[in-house]
Amino acid sequence: MAISLQKGSSFNLTKKEPALKKIMIGLGWEMTQGQKLDLDASVFMLASNGKLVGEEYFVFFNNLKSGDGSVQHTGDNRTGAGDEDDEMILVNLPIVNSAVKDILVTVSIHEAAARRHSFGLLQNAYIRIVDVETKREVLRYDLDAEFGNNTDVEFGKLHNENGEWHFTAVGVGSNKGLEGYVNAFA
């Protein structure tokens, strides 16, 4: 049975799941009736100063693998169709560059301002962590509907503290867009 997290709560993966090495971060959402949106999952691998370790540590639809090879985006799902995860990020925890302290997962709506799209057109959004080897869902965070006017959301974050990986259910929405995140973390 997977652990269900609430906004702001944290889970020590290293202590509570010591065998966990390779994880899949699954992100999912459903469109409200008749809507079509292109959502993009992005990963920012941040140093202790809150900035990208290097530009090759920004993993998204145009850069599918981190500089150290530890994080891989499996590709952009432009429709959100299907019952499974809409976008997936693979993380090999033991080989993450030691300079990386946070692995932040965001989801932004492509061309949100031009198309007047927001997270209010979505429902049932979630982020989950799955053990790649056993295929077992370890934890899940179901986002609530508070992001109705937002065009992007920080879904969750892996944080390395003293060699231990923790996952935090962030759940913070904004309207800065993908470019705004890049500017904030560059």
N, C-alpha and C. Protein backbone atom coordinates (compact mmCIF):
# COMPACT_ATOMS: atom_id res chain seq x y z
N MET A 1 0.84 -1.17 0.00
CA MET A 1 0.00 0.00 0.00
C MET A 1 0.89 1.24 0.00
N ALA A 2 0.68 2.12 -0.94
CA ALA A 2 1.48 3.34 -1.06
C ALA A 2 1.13 4.32 0.05
N ILE A 3 2.10 5.10 0.43
CA ILE A 3 1.90 6.17 1.40
C ILE A 3 1.25 7.33 0.65
N SER A 4 0.22 7.91 1.23
CA SER A 4 -0.45 9.07 0.64
C SER A 4 0.00 10.31 1.39
N LEU A 5 0.63 11.24 0.68
CA LEU A 5 1.14 12.46 1.29
C LEU A 5 0.16 13.61 1.14
N GLN A 6 0.24 14.54 2.07
CA GLN A 6 -0.52 15.78 2.01
C GLN A 6 0.45 16.90 1.64
N LYS A 7 -0.08 18.01 1.15
CA LYS A 7 0.74 19.15 0.77
C LYS A 7 1.67 19.55 1.91
N GLY A 8 2.96 19.68 1.57
CA GLY A 8 3.97 20.08 2.53
C GLY A 8 4.59 18.95 3.33
N SER A 9 4.02 17.76 3.27
CA SER A 9 4.58 16.65 4.05
C SER A 9 5.78 16.04 3.32
N SER A 10 6.61 15.38 4.11
CA SER A 10 7.85 14.82 3.60
C SER A 10 7.96 13.35 4.00
N PHE A 11 8.71 12.60 3.21
CA PHE A 11 8.90 11.17 3.43
C PHE A 11 10.36 10.84 3.21
N ASN A 12 11.01 10.22 4.21
CA ASN A 12 12.42 9.86 4.10
C ASN A 12 12.53 8.54 3.34
N LEU A 13 12.83 8.63 2.05
CA LEU A 13 12.94 7.45 1.20
C LEU A 13 14.09 6.55 1.63
N THR A 14 15.21 7.13 2.00
CA THR A 14 16.41 6.36 2.35
C THR A 14 16.17 5.51 3.60
N LYS A 15 15.56 6.07 4.63
CA LYS A 15 15.32 5.32 5.87
C LYS A 15 14.16 4.35 5.75
N LYS A 16 13.08 4.78 5.11
CA LYS A 16 11.87 3.95 5.08
C LYS A 16 11.84 2.97 3.92
N GLU A 17 12.66 3.20 2.91
CA GLU A 17 12.75 2.32 1.74
C GLU A 17 14.23 2.13 1.38
N PRO A 18 15.02 1.50 2.27
CA PRO A 18 16.48 1.43 2.06
C PRO A 18 16.92 0.71 0.79
N ALA A 19 16.11 -0.17 0.24
CA ALA A 19 16.48 -0.89 -0.98
C ALA A 19 16.20 -0.07 -2.23
N LEU A 20 15.54 1.05 -2.10
CA LEU A 20 15.15 1.86 -3.25
C LEU A 20 16.36 2.54 -3.89
N LYS A 21 16.59 2.25 -5.14
CA LYS A 21 17.72 2.84 -5.88
C LYS A 21 17.25 3.56 -7.14
N LYS A 22 16.44 2.86 -7.94
CA LYS A 22 15.93 3.44 -9.19
C LYS A 22 14.44 3.67 -9.01
N ILE A 23 14.03 4.92 -9.28
CA ILE A 23 12.63 5.27 -9.11
C ILE A 23 12.06 5.85 -10.40
N MET A 24 10.76 5.72 -10.52
CA MET A 24 10.04 6.38 -11.59
C MET A 24 9.13 7.39 -10.90
N ILE A 25 9.24 8.65 -11.34
CA ILE A 25 8.34 9.68 -10.87
C ILE A 25 7.26 9.81 -11.94
N GLY A 26 6.06 9.39 -11.59
CA GLY A 26 4.95 9.46 -12.51
C GLY A 26 4.08 10.67 -12.22
N LEU A 27 3.70 11.37 -13.28
CA LEU A 27 2.83 12.53 -13.15
C LEU A 27 1.59 12.28 -13.99
N GLY A 28 0.44 12.59 -13.43
CA GLY A 28 -0.78 12.36 -14.17
C GLY A 28 -1.82 13.43 -13.91
N TRP A 29 -2.76 13.52 -14.84
CA TRP A 29 -3.86 14.47 -14.74
C TRP A 29 -4.92 14.07 -15.75
N GLU A 30 -6.11 14.56 -15.55
CA GLU A 30 -7.20 14.35 -16.49
C GLU A 30 -7.70 15.71 -16.93
N MET A 31 -8.12 15.81 -18.18
CA MET A 31 -8.70 17.04 -18.70
C MET A 31 -10.18 17.08 -18.34
N THR A 32 -10.69 18.27 -18.05
CA THR A 32 -12.13 18.39 -17.90
C THR A 32 -12.75 18.20 -19.29
N GLN A 33 -13.99 17.89 -19.32
CA GLN A 33 -14.68 17.54 -20.57
C GLN A 33 -14.42 18.55 -21.69
N GLY A 34 -13.96 18.04 -22.83
CA GLY A 34 -13.80 18.86 -24.03
C GLY A 34 -12.53 19.70 -24.08
N GLN A 35 -11.64 19.59 -23.10
CA GLN A 35 -10.43 20.41 -23.08
C GLN A 35 -9.24 19.66 -23.68
N LYS A 36 -8.33 20.41 -24.28
CA LYS A 36 -7.07 19.86 -24.78
C LYS A 36 -5.96 20.80 -24.37
N LEU A 37 -5.06 20.29 -23.54
CA LEU A 37 -3.93 21.08 -23.06
C LEU A 37 -2.67 20.25 -23.24
N ASP A 38 -1.56 20.93 -23.45
CA ASP A 38 -0.25 20.28 -23.51
C ASP A 38 0.50 20.68 -22.26
N LEU A 39 0.63 19.74 -21.33
CA LEU A 39 1.38 19.99 -20.10
C LEU A 39 2.78 19.43 -20.24
N ASP A 40 3.73 20.12 -19.65
CA ASP A 40 5.13 19.72 -19.74
C ASP A 40 5.73 19.55 -18.36
N ALA A 41 6.21 18.35 -18.07
CA ALA A 41 6.94 18.09 -16.84
C ALA A 41 8.40 18.48 -17.05
N SER A 42 8.97 19.14 -16.06
CA SER A 42 10.37 19.56 -16.11
C SER A 42 11.03 19.26 -14.78
N VAL A 43 12.34 19.02 -14.82
CA VAL A 43 13.11 18.72 -13.62
C VAL A 43 14.26 19.70 -13.52
N PHE A 44 14.38 20.31 -12.35
CA PHE A 44 15.47 21.24 -12.06
C PHE A 44 16.34 20.60 -10.98
N MET A 45 17.59 20.29 -11.34
CA MET A 45 18.53 19.68 -10.39
C MET A 45 19.38 20.80 -9.80
N LEU A 46 19.09 21.11 -8.53
CA LEU A 46 19.61 22.32 -7.90
C LEU A 46 20.71 22.03 -6.89
N ALA A 47 21.67 22.93 -6.85
CA ALA A 47 22.74 22.88 -5.86
C ALA A 47 22.23 23.49 -4.55
N SER A 48 23.07 23.51 -3.54
CA SER A 48 22.68 24.04 -2.23
C SER A 48 22.33 25.53 -2.28
N ASN A 49 22.78 26.24 -3.33
CA ASN A 49 22.46 27.67 -3.47
C ASN A 49 21.10 27.90 -4.16
N GLY A 50 20.38 26.81 -4.48
CA GLY A 50 19.08 26.93 -5.11
C GLY A 50 19.13 27.18 -6.62
N LYS A 51 20.31 27.05 -7.21
CA LYS A 51 20.49 27.26 -8.65
C LYS A 51 20.85 25.93 -9.33
N LEU A 52 20.61 25.86 -10.63
CA LEU A 52 20.98 24.67 -11.39
C LEU A 52 22.46 24.36 -11.22
N VAL A 53 22.79 23.08 -11.07
CA VAL A 53 24.19 22.67 -10.99
C VAL A 53 24.91 23.04 -12.29
N GLY A 54 24.21 22.98 -13.38
CA GLY A 54 24.68 23.36 -14.70
C GLY A 54 23.49 23.29 -15.64
N GLU A 55 23.60 23.91 -16.81
CA GLU A 55 22.43 23.93 -17.70
C GLU A 55 22.01 22.53 -18.14
N GLU A 56 22.95 21.58 -18.15
CA GLU A 56 22.60 20.21 -18.52
C GLU A 56 21.85 19.47 -17.41
N TYR A 57 21.61 20.16 -16.29
CA TYR A 57 20.84 19.60 -15.17
C TYR A 57 19.42 20.14 -15.14
N PHE A 58 18.99 20.72 -16.25
CA PHE A 58 17.60 21.10 -16.47
C PHE A 58 17.07 20.08 -17.47
N VAL A 59 16.21 19.18 -17.00
CA VAL A 59 15.71 18.07 -17.81
C VAL A 59 14.27 18.38 -18.18
N PHE A 60 14.00 18.39 -19.50
CA PHE A 60 12.67 18.72 -20.00
C PHE A 60 12.54 18.15 -21.41
N PHE A 61 11.47 18.51 -22.13
CA PHE A 61 11.19 17.90 -23.44
C PHE A 61 12.28 18.12 -24.47
N ASN A 62 13.15 19.13 -24.31
CA ASN A 62 14.25 19.34 -25.27
C ASN A 62 15.61 18.90 -24.74
N ASN A 63 15.66 18.39 -23.53
CA ASN A 63 16.88 17.82 -22.94
C ASN A 63 16.42 16.69 -22.04
N LEU A 64 16.36 15.48 -22.58
CA LEU A 64 15.72 14.36 -21.90
C LEU A 64 16.60 13.66 -20.87
N LYS A 65 17.89 14.03 -20.76
CA LYS A 65 18.76 13.34 -19.80
C LYS A 65 19.69 14.35 -19.13
N SER A 66 19.86 14.18 -17.82
CA SER A 66 20.75 15.08 -17.06
C SER A 66 22.21 14.84 -17.42
N GLY A 67 23.04 15.81 -17.10
CA GLY A 67 24.47 15.75 -17.41
C GLY A 67 25.17 14.54 -16.81
N ASP A 68 24.72 14.09 -15.65
CA ASP A 68 25.34 12.92 -15.01
C ASP A 68 24.65 11.62 -15.38
N GLY A 69 23.58 11.69 -16.18
CA GLY A 69 22.86 10.50 -16.61
C GLY A 69 21.92 9.91 -15.56
N SER A 70 21.76 10.56 -14.43
CA SER A 70 20.95 10.00 -13.34
C SER A 70 19.46 10.25 -13.51
N VAL A 71 19.09 11.28 -14.27
CA VAL A 71 17.68 11.62 -14.45
C VAL A 71 17.36 11.58 -15.94
N GLN A 72 16.26 10.89 -16.27
CA GLN A 72 15.85 10.79 -17.67
C GLN A 72 14.34 11.02 -17.77
N HIS A 73 13.98 11.96 -18.63
CA HIS A 73 12.57 12.24 -18.96
C HIS A 73 12.22 11.29 -20.09
N THR A 74 11.08 10.59 -19.99
CA THR A 74 10.75 9.60 -21.01
C THR A 74 10.07 10.19 -22.24
N GLY A 75 9.80 11.50 -22.23
CA GLY A 75 9.23 12.15 -23.40
C GLY A 75 7.96 12.91 -23.08
N ASP A 76 7.61 13.79 -24.00
CA ASP A 76 6.49 14.70 -23.83
C ASP A 76 5.19 14.04 -24.30
N ASN A 77 4.20 14.01 -23.41
CA ASN A 77 2.86 13.54 -23.76
C ASN A 77 2.05 14.80 -24.04
N ARG A 78 1.68 15.03 -25.27
CA ARG A 78 1.01 16.28 -25.65
C ARG A 78 -0.49 16.27 -25.49
N THR A 79 -1.08 15.13 -25.16
CA THR A 79 -2.53 15.08 -25.08
C THR A 79 -3.08 14.78 -23.69
N GLY A 80 -2.31 14.13 -22.84
CA GLY A 80 -2.82 13.74 -21.53
C GLY A 80 -3.79 12.57 -21.62
N ALA A 81 -3.86 11.92 -22.76
CA ALA A 81 -4.79 10.81 -22.95
C ALA A 81 -4.30 9.57 -22.22
N GLY A 82 -5.24 8.74 -21.79
CA GLY A 82 -4.91 7.47 -21.14
C GLY A 82 -5.14 7.53 -19.64
N ASP A 83 -5.13 6.34 -19.03
CA ASP A 83 -5.42 6.23 -17.61
C ASP A 83 -4.16 6.15 -16.75
N GLU A 84 -3.04 5.96 -17.35
CA GLU A 84 -1.79 5.82 -16.60
C GLU A 84 -1.09 7.18 -16.46
N ASP A 85 0.18 7.13 -16.05
CA ASP A 85 0.97 8.36 -15.91
C ASP A 85 1.06 9.06 -17.26
N ASP A 86 0.89 10.38 -17.25
CA ASP A 86 0.97 11.15 -18.49
C ASP A 86 2.41 11.46 -18.86
N GLU A 87 3.26 11.70 -17.87
CA GLU A 87 4.69 11.89 -18.12
C GLU A 87 5.45 11.20 -17.01
N MET A 88 6.65 10.70 -17.36
CA MET A 88 7.45 9.94 -16.41
C MET A 88 8.89 10.42 -16.40
N ILE A 89 9.45 10.44 -15.22
CA ILE A 89 10.85 10.80 -15.02
C ILE A 89 11.50 9.62 -14.31
N LEU A 90 12.61 9.14 -14.83
CA LEU A 90 13.36 8.05 -14.20
C LEU A 90 14.55 8.65 -13.46
N VAL A 91 14.77 8.19 -12.23
CA VAL A 91 15.88 8.70 -11.43
C VAL A 91 16.65 7.52 -10.85
N ASN A 92 17.97 7.51 -11.08
CA ASN A 92 18.86 6.53 -10.50
C ASN A 92 19.57 7.22 -9.34
N LEU A 93 19.03 7.07 -8.13
CA LEU A 93 19.49 7.83 -6.97
C LEU A 93 20.98 7.69 -6.65
N PRO A 94 21.56 6.48 -6.71
CA PRO A 94 22.98 6.35 -6.34
C PRO A 94 23.95 7.12 -7.24
N ILE A 95 23.55 7.45 -8.48
CA ILE A 95 24.51 8.13 -9.36
C ILE A 95 24.22 9.62 -9.56
N VAL A 96 23.27 10.17 -8.77
CA VAL A 96 23.02 11.61 -8.85
C VAL A 96 24.27 12.35 -8.41
N ASN A 97 24.68 13.33 -9.19
CA ASN A 97 25.83 14.17 -8.89
C ASN A 97 25.75 14.66 -7.44
N SER A 98 26.82 14.53 -6.69
CA SER A 98 26.81 14.91 -5.27
C SER A 98 26.55 16.40 -5.05
N ALA A 99 26.72 17.22 -6.07
CA ALA A 99 26.43 18.65 -5.95
C ALA A 99 24.93 18.93 -5.96
N VAL A 100 24.14 17.96 -6.40
CA VAL A 100 22.68 18.13 -6.47
C VAL A 100 22.07 17.90 -5.09
N LYS A 101 21.39 18.90 -4.57
CA LYS A 101 20.72 18.80 -3.28
C LYS A 101 19.21 18.68 -3.42
N ASP A 102 18.65 19.25 -4.50
CA ASP A 102 17.21 19.18 -4.74
C ASP A 102 16.94 18.80 -6.18
N ILE A 103 15.97 17.93 -6.36
CA ILE A 103 15.46 17.58 -7.69
C ILE A 103 14.00 18.00 -7.68
N LEU A 104 13.73 19.16 -8.26
CA LEU A 104 12.40 19.76 -8.25
C LEU A 104 11.65 19.39 -9.52
N VAL A 105 10.43 18.89 -9.36
CA VAL A 105 9.60 18.49 -10.49
C VAL A 105 8.46 19.50 -10.63
N THR A 106 8.42 20.16 -11.79
CA THR A 106 7.37 21.13 -12.08
C THR A 106 6.57 20.66 -13.29
N VAL A 107 5.35 21.18 -13.38
CA VAL A 107 4.52 20.93 -14.56
C VAL A 107 3.97 22.28 -14.99
N SER A 108 4.16 22.61 -16.27
CA SER A 108 3.67 23.88 -16.81
C SER A 108 2.82 23.60 -18.04
N ILE A 109 1.89 24.51 -18.29
CA ILE A 109 1.01 24.38 -19.45
C ILE A 109 1.66 25.11 -20.62
N HIS A 110 1.86 24.39 -21.72
CA HIS A 110 2.49 24.97 -22.91
C HIS A 110 1.59 26.07 -23.49
N GLU A 111 2.19 27.24 -23.73
CA GLU A 111 1.49 28.40 -24.30
C GLU A 111 0.22 28.75 -23.51
N ALA A 112 0.31 28.68 -22.19
CA ALA A 112 -0.86 28.92 -21.33
C ALA A 112 -1.45 30.31 -21.51
N ALA A 113 -0.61 31.34 -21.53
CA ALA A 113 -1.13 32.71 -21.64
C ALA A 113 -1.82 32.94 -22.98
N ALA A 114 -1.18 32.51 -24.06
CA ALA A 114 -1.74 32.72 -25.40
C ALA A 114 -3.06 31.97 -25.58
N ARG A 115 -3.15 30.80 -24.98
CA ARG A 115 -4.36 29.99 -25.16
C ARG A 115 -5.37 30.16 -24.02
N ARG A 116 -5.00 30.98 -23.04
CA ARG A 116 -5.85 31.21 -21.86
C ARG A 116 -6.18 29.90 -21.14
N HIS A 117 -5.16 29.09 -20.94
CA HIS A 117 -5.30 27.82 -20.24
C HIS A 117 -4.79 27.96 -18.81
N SER A 118 -5.36 27.18 -17.91
CA SER A 118 -4.90 27.14 -16.52
C SER A 118 -5.17 25.75 -15.96
N PHE A 119 -4.66 25.49 -14.77
CA PHE A 119 -4.88 24.20 -14.13
C PHE A 119 -6.35 24.00 -13.76
N GLY A 120 -7.16 25.03 -13.83
CA GLY A 120 -8.59 24.89 -13.61
C GLY A 120 -9.27 24.01 -14.66
N LEU A 121 -8.59 23.77 -15.78
CA LEU A 121 -9.12 22.91 -16.84
C LEU A 121 -8.73 21.45 -16.64
N LEU A 122 -8.08 21.17 -15.50
CA LEU A 122 -7.63 19.81 -15.20
C LEU A 122 -8.31 19.31 -13.94
N GLN A 123 -8.24 17.99 -13.78
CA GLN A 123 -8.70 17.38 -12.53
C GLN A 123 -7.85 16.16 -12.25
N ASN A 124 -7.89 15.70 -11.02
CA ASN A 124 -7.20 14.47 -10.60
C ASN A 124 -5.70 14.48 -10.88
N ALA A 125 -5.04 15.61 -10.64
CA ALA A 125 -3.59 15.68 -10.84
C ALA A 125 -2.87 15.00 -9.68
N TYR A 126 -1.76 14.33 -10.01
CA TYR A 126 -0.99 13.63 -8.96
C TYR A 126 0.47 13.52 -9.37
N ILE A 127 1.29 13.20 -8.36
CA ILE A 127 2.67 12.78 -8.57
C ILE A 127 2.85 11.55 -7.70
N ARG A 128 3.61 10.58 -8.22
CA ARG A 128 3.84 9.36 -7.44
C ARG A 128 5.25 8.87 -7.66
N ILE A 129 5.74 8.09 -6.72
CA ILE A 129 7.06 7.47 -6.85
C ILE A 129 6.87 5.96 -6.85
N VAL A 130 7.48 5.33 -7.86
CA VAL A 130 7.38 3.89 -8.04
C VAL A 130 8.79 3.29 -8.02
N ASP A 131 8.95 2.19 -7.30
CA ASP A 131 10.21 1.45 -7.31
C ASP A 131 10.30 0.76 -8.66
N VAL A 132 11.30 1.10 -9.46
CA VAL A 132 11.44 0.56 -10.82
C VAL A 132 11.61 -0.95 -10.80
N GLU A 133 12.38 -1.47 -9.84
CA GLU A 133 12.66 -2.91 -9.83
C GLU A 133 11.45 -3.75 -9.46
N THR A 134 10.65 -3.31 -8.48
CA THR A 134 9.51 -4.11 -8.02
C THR A 134 8.19 -3.65 -8.64
N LYS A 135 8.19 -2.48 -9.31
CA LYS A 135 6.98 -1.88 -9.90
C LYS A 135 5.96 -1.46 -8.82
N ARG A 136 6.40 -1.37 -7.59
CA ARG A 136 5.52 -1.03 -6.47
C ARG A 136 5.45 0.48 -6.28
N GLU A 137 4.23 0.99 -6.16
CA GLU A 137 4.05 2.41 -5.87
C GLU A 137 4.43 2.63 -4.40
N VAL A 138 5.40 3.50 -4.17
CA VAL A 138 5.90 3.76 -2.83
C VAL A 138 5.08 4.87 -2.17
N LEU A 139 4.87 5.95 -2.91
CA LEU A 139 4.09 7.06 -2.36
C LEU A 139 3.39 7.82 -3.45
N ARG A 140 2.40 8.62 -3.03
CA ARG A 140 1.58 9.36 -3.97
C ARG A 140 1.13 10.64 -3.28
N TYR A 141 1.09 11.70 -4.09
CA TYR A 141 0.54 12.97 -3.64
C TYR A 141 -0.50 13.40 -4.65
N ASP A 142 -1.76 13.42 -4.23
CA ASP A 142 -2.86 13.88 -5.08
C ASP A 142 -3.04 15.37 -4.83
N LEU A 143 -2.83 16.15 -5.89
CA LEU A 143 -2.99 17.60 -5.76
C LEU A 143 -4.46 17.94 -5.68
N ASP A 144 -4.79 18.92 -4.87
CA ASP A 144 -6.19 19.32 -4.79
C ASP A 144 -6.48 20.37 -5.85
N ALA A 145 -7.64 20.94 -5.81
CA ALA A 145 -8.10 21.84 -6.88
C ALA A 145 -7.75 23.29 -6.64
N GLU A 146 -6.79 23.59 -5.78
CA GLU A 146 -6.49 24.98 -5.45
C GLU A 146 -5.72 25.74 -6.52
N PHE A 147 -5.35 25.11 -7.61
CA PHE A 147 -4.51 25.74 -8.62
C PHE A 147 -5.30 26.23 -9.83
N GLY A 148 -6.57 26.47 -9.68
CA GLY A 148 -7.47 26.81 -10.78
C GLY A 148 -7.00 27.93 -11.67
N ASN A 149 -6.36 28.94 -11.11
CA ASN A 149 -5.91 30.09 -11.91
C ASN A 149 -4.44 30.02 -12.29
N ASN A 150 -3.74 28.97 -11.86
CA ASN A 150 -2.31 28.86 -12.12
C ASN A 150 -2.02 28.17 -13.45
N THR A 151 -0.87 28.54 -14.04
CA THR A 151 -0.44 27.94 -15.31
C THR A 151 0.70 26.95 -15.11
N ASP A 152 1.23 26.87 -13.90
CA ASP A 152 2.29 25.92 -13.60
C ASP A 152 2.27 25.61 -12.10
N VAL A 153 2.77 24.41 -11.77
CA VAL A 153 2.76 23.95 -10.38
C VAL A 153 4.04 23.19 -10.09
N GLU A 154 4.62 23.47 -8.93
CA GLU A 154 5.70 22.64 -8.40
C GLU A 154 5.02 21.45 -7.74
N PHE A 155 5.10 20.27 -8.36
CA PHE A 155 4.41 19.09 -7.85
C PHE A 155 5.14 18.52 -6.63
N GLY A 156 6.44 18.26 -6.77
CA GLY A 156 7.17 17.61 -5.69
C GLY A 156 8.66 17.81 -5.83
N LYS A 157 9.37 17.41 -4.75
CA LYS A 157 10.81 17.63 -4.73
C LYS A 157 11.49 16.48 -3.99
N LEU A 158 12.58 15.99 -4.59
CA LEU A 158 13.49 15.09 -3.89
C LEU A 158 14.59 15.96 -3.29
N HIS A 159 14.90 15.73 -2.03
CA HIS A 159 15.92 16.54 -1.35
C HIS A 159 16.94 15.60 -0.72
N ASN A 160 18.22 15.89 -0.97
CA ASN A 160 19.29 15.09 -0.39
C ASN A 160 19.82 15.82 0.84
N GLU A 161 19.61 15.21 1.99
CA GLU A 161 20.08 15.80 3.24
C GLU A 161 20.97 14.78 3.94
N ASN A 162 22.25 15.11 4.03
CA ASN A 162 23.23 14.22 4.67
C ASN A 162 23.23 12.82 4.07
N GLY A 163 23.11 12.75 2.75
CA GLY A 163 23.15 11.47 2.06
C GLY A 163 21.84 10.71 2.07
N GLU A 164 20.79 11.28 2.63
CA GLU A 164 19.49 10.64 2.66
C GLU A 164 18.53 11.39 1.74
N TRP A 165 17.78 10.63 0.92
CA TRP A 165 16.83 11.22 0.00
C TRP A 165 15.45 11.30 0.64
N HIS A 166 14.87 12.48 0.62
CA HIS A 166 13.53 12.74 1.13
C HIS A 166 12.68 13.23 -0.04
N PHE A 167 11.40 12.87 -0.02
CA PHE A 167 10.48 13.42 -1.00
C PHE A 167 9.50 14.33 -0.27
N THR A 168 9.29 15.53 -0.82
CA THR A 168 8.34 16.48 -0.25
C THR A 168 7.24 16.76 -1.27
N ALA A 169 6.00 16.70 -0.80
CA ALA A 169 4.84 17.06 -1.62
C ALA A 169 4.73 18.58 -1.59
N VAL A 170 5.22 19.25 -2.63
CA VAL A 170 5.32 20.71 -2.62
C VAL A 170 3.96 21.37 -2.84
N GLY A 171 3.36 21.17 -4.00
CA GLY A 171 2.05 21.73 -4.28
C GLY A 171 1.98 23.24 -4.23
N VAL A 172 2.87 23.91 -4.98
CA VAL A 172 2.88 25.37 -5.05
C VAL A 172 2.63 25.80 -6.49
N GLY A 173 1.57 26.56 -6.71
CA GLY A 173 1.23 27.03 -8.04
C GLY A 173 1.74 28.44 -8.30
N SER A 174 1.92 28.77 -9.58
CA SER A 174 2.33 30.12 -9.98
C SER A 174 1.88 30.37 -11.41
N ASN A 175 2.23 31.52 -11.91
CA ASN A 175 1.93 31.88 -13.30
C ASN A 175 3.18 32.38 -14.01
N LYS A 176 4.35 31.91 -13.59
CA LYS A 176 5.58 32.38 -14.21
C LYS A 176 5.95 31.62 -15.46
N GLY A 177 5.37 30.44 -15.67
CA GLY A 177 5.67 29.65 -16.86
C GLY A 177 7.03 29.00 -16.78
N LEU A 178 7.30 28.14 -17.75
CA LEU A 178 8.56 27.41 -17.78
C LEU A 178 9.74 28.37 -17.85
N GLU A 179 9.64 29.41 -18.67
CA GLU A 179 10.73 30.38 -18.78
C GLU A 179 10.99 31.07 -17.43
N GLY A 180 9.93 31.33 -16.69
CA GLY A 180 10.09 31.94 -15.36
C GLY A 180 10.85 31.04 -14.41
N TYR A 181 10.59 29.72 -14.46
CA TYR A 181 11.34 28.79 -13.63
C TYR A 181 12.81 28.77 -14.05
N VAL A 182 13.04 28.71 -15.36
CA VAL A 182 14.42 28.69 -15.85
C VAL A 182 15.16 29.95 -15.36
N ASN A 183 14.54 31.10 -15.47
CA ASN A 183 15.16 32.34 -15.01
C ASN A 183 15.43 32.33 -13.52
N ALA A 184 14.53 31.73 -12.74
CA ALA A 184 14.69 31.69 -11.29
C ALA A 184 15.83 30.78 -10.86
N PHE A 185 16.05 29.70 -11.61
CA PHE A 185 17.05 28.70 -11.18
C PHE A 185 18.36 28.75 -11.95
N ALA A 186 18.45 29.57 -13.00
CA ALA A 186 19.68 29.64 -13.80
C ALA A 186 20.79 30.35 -13.06
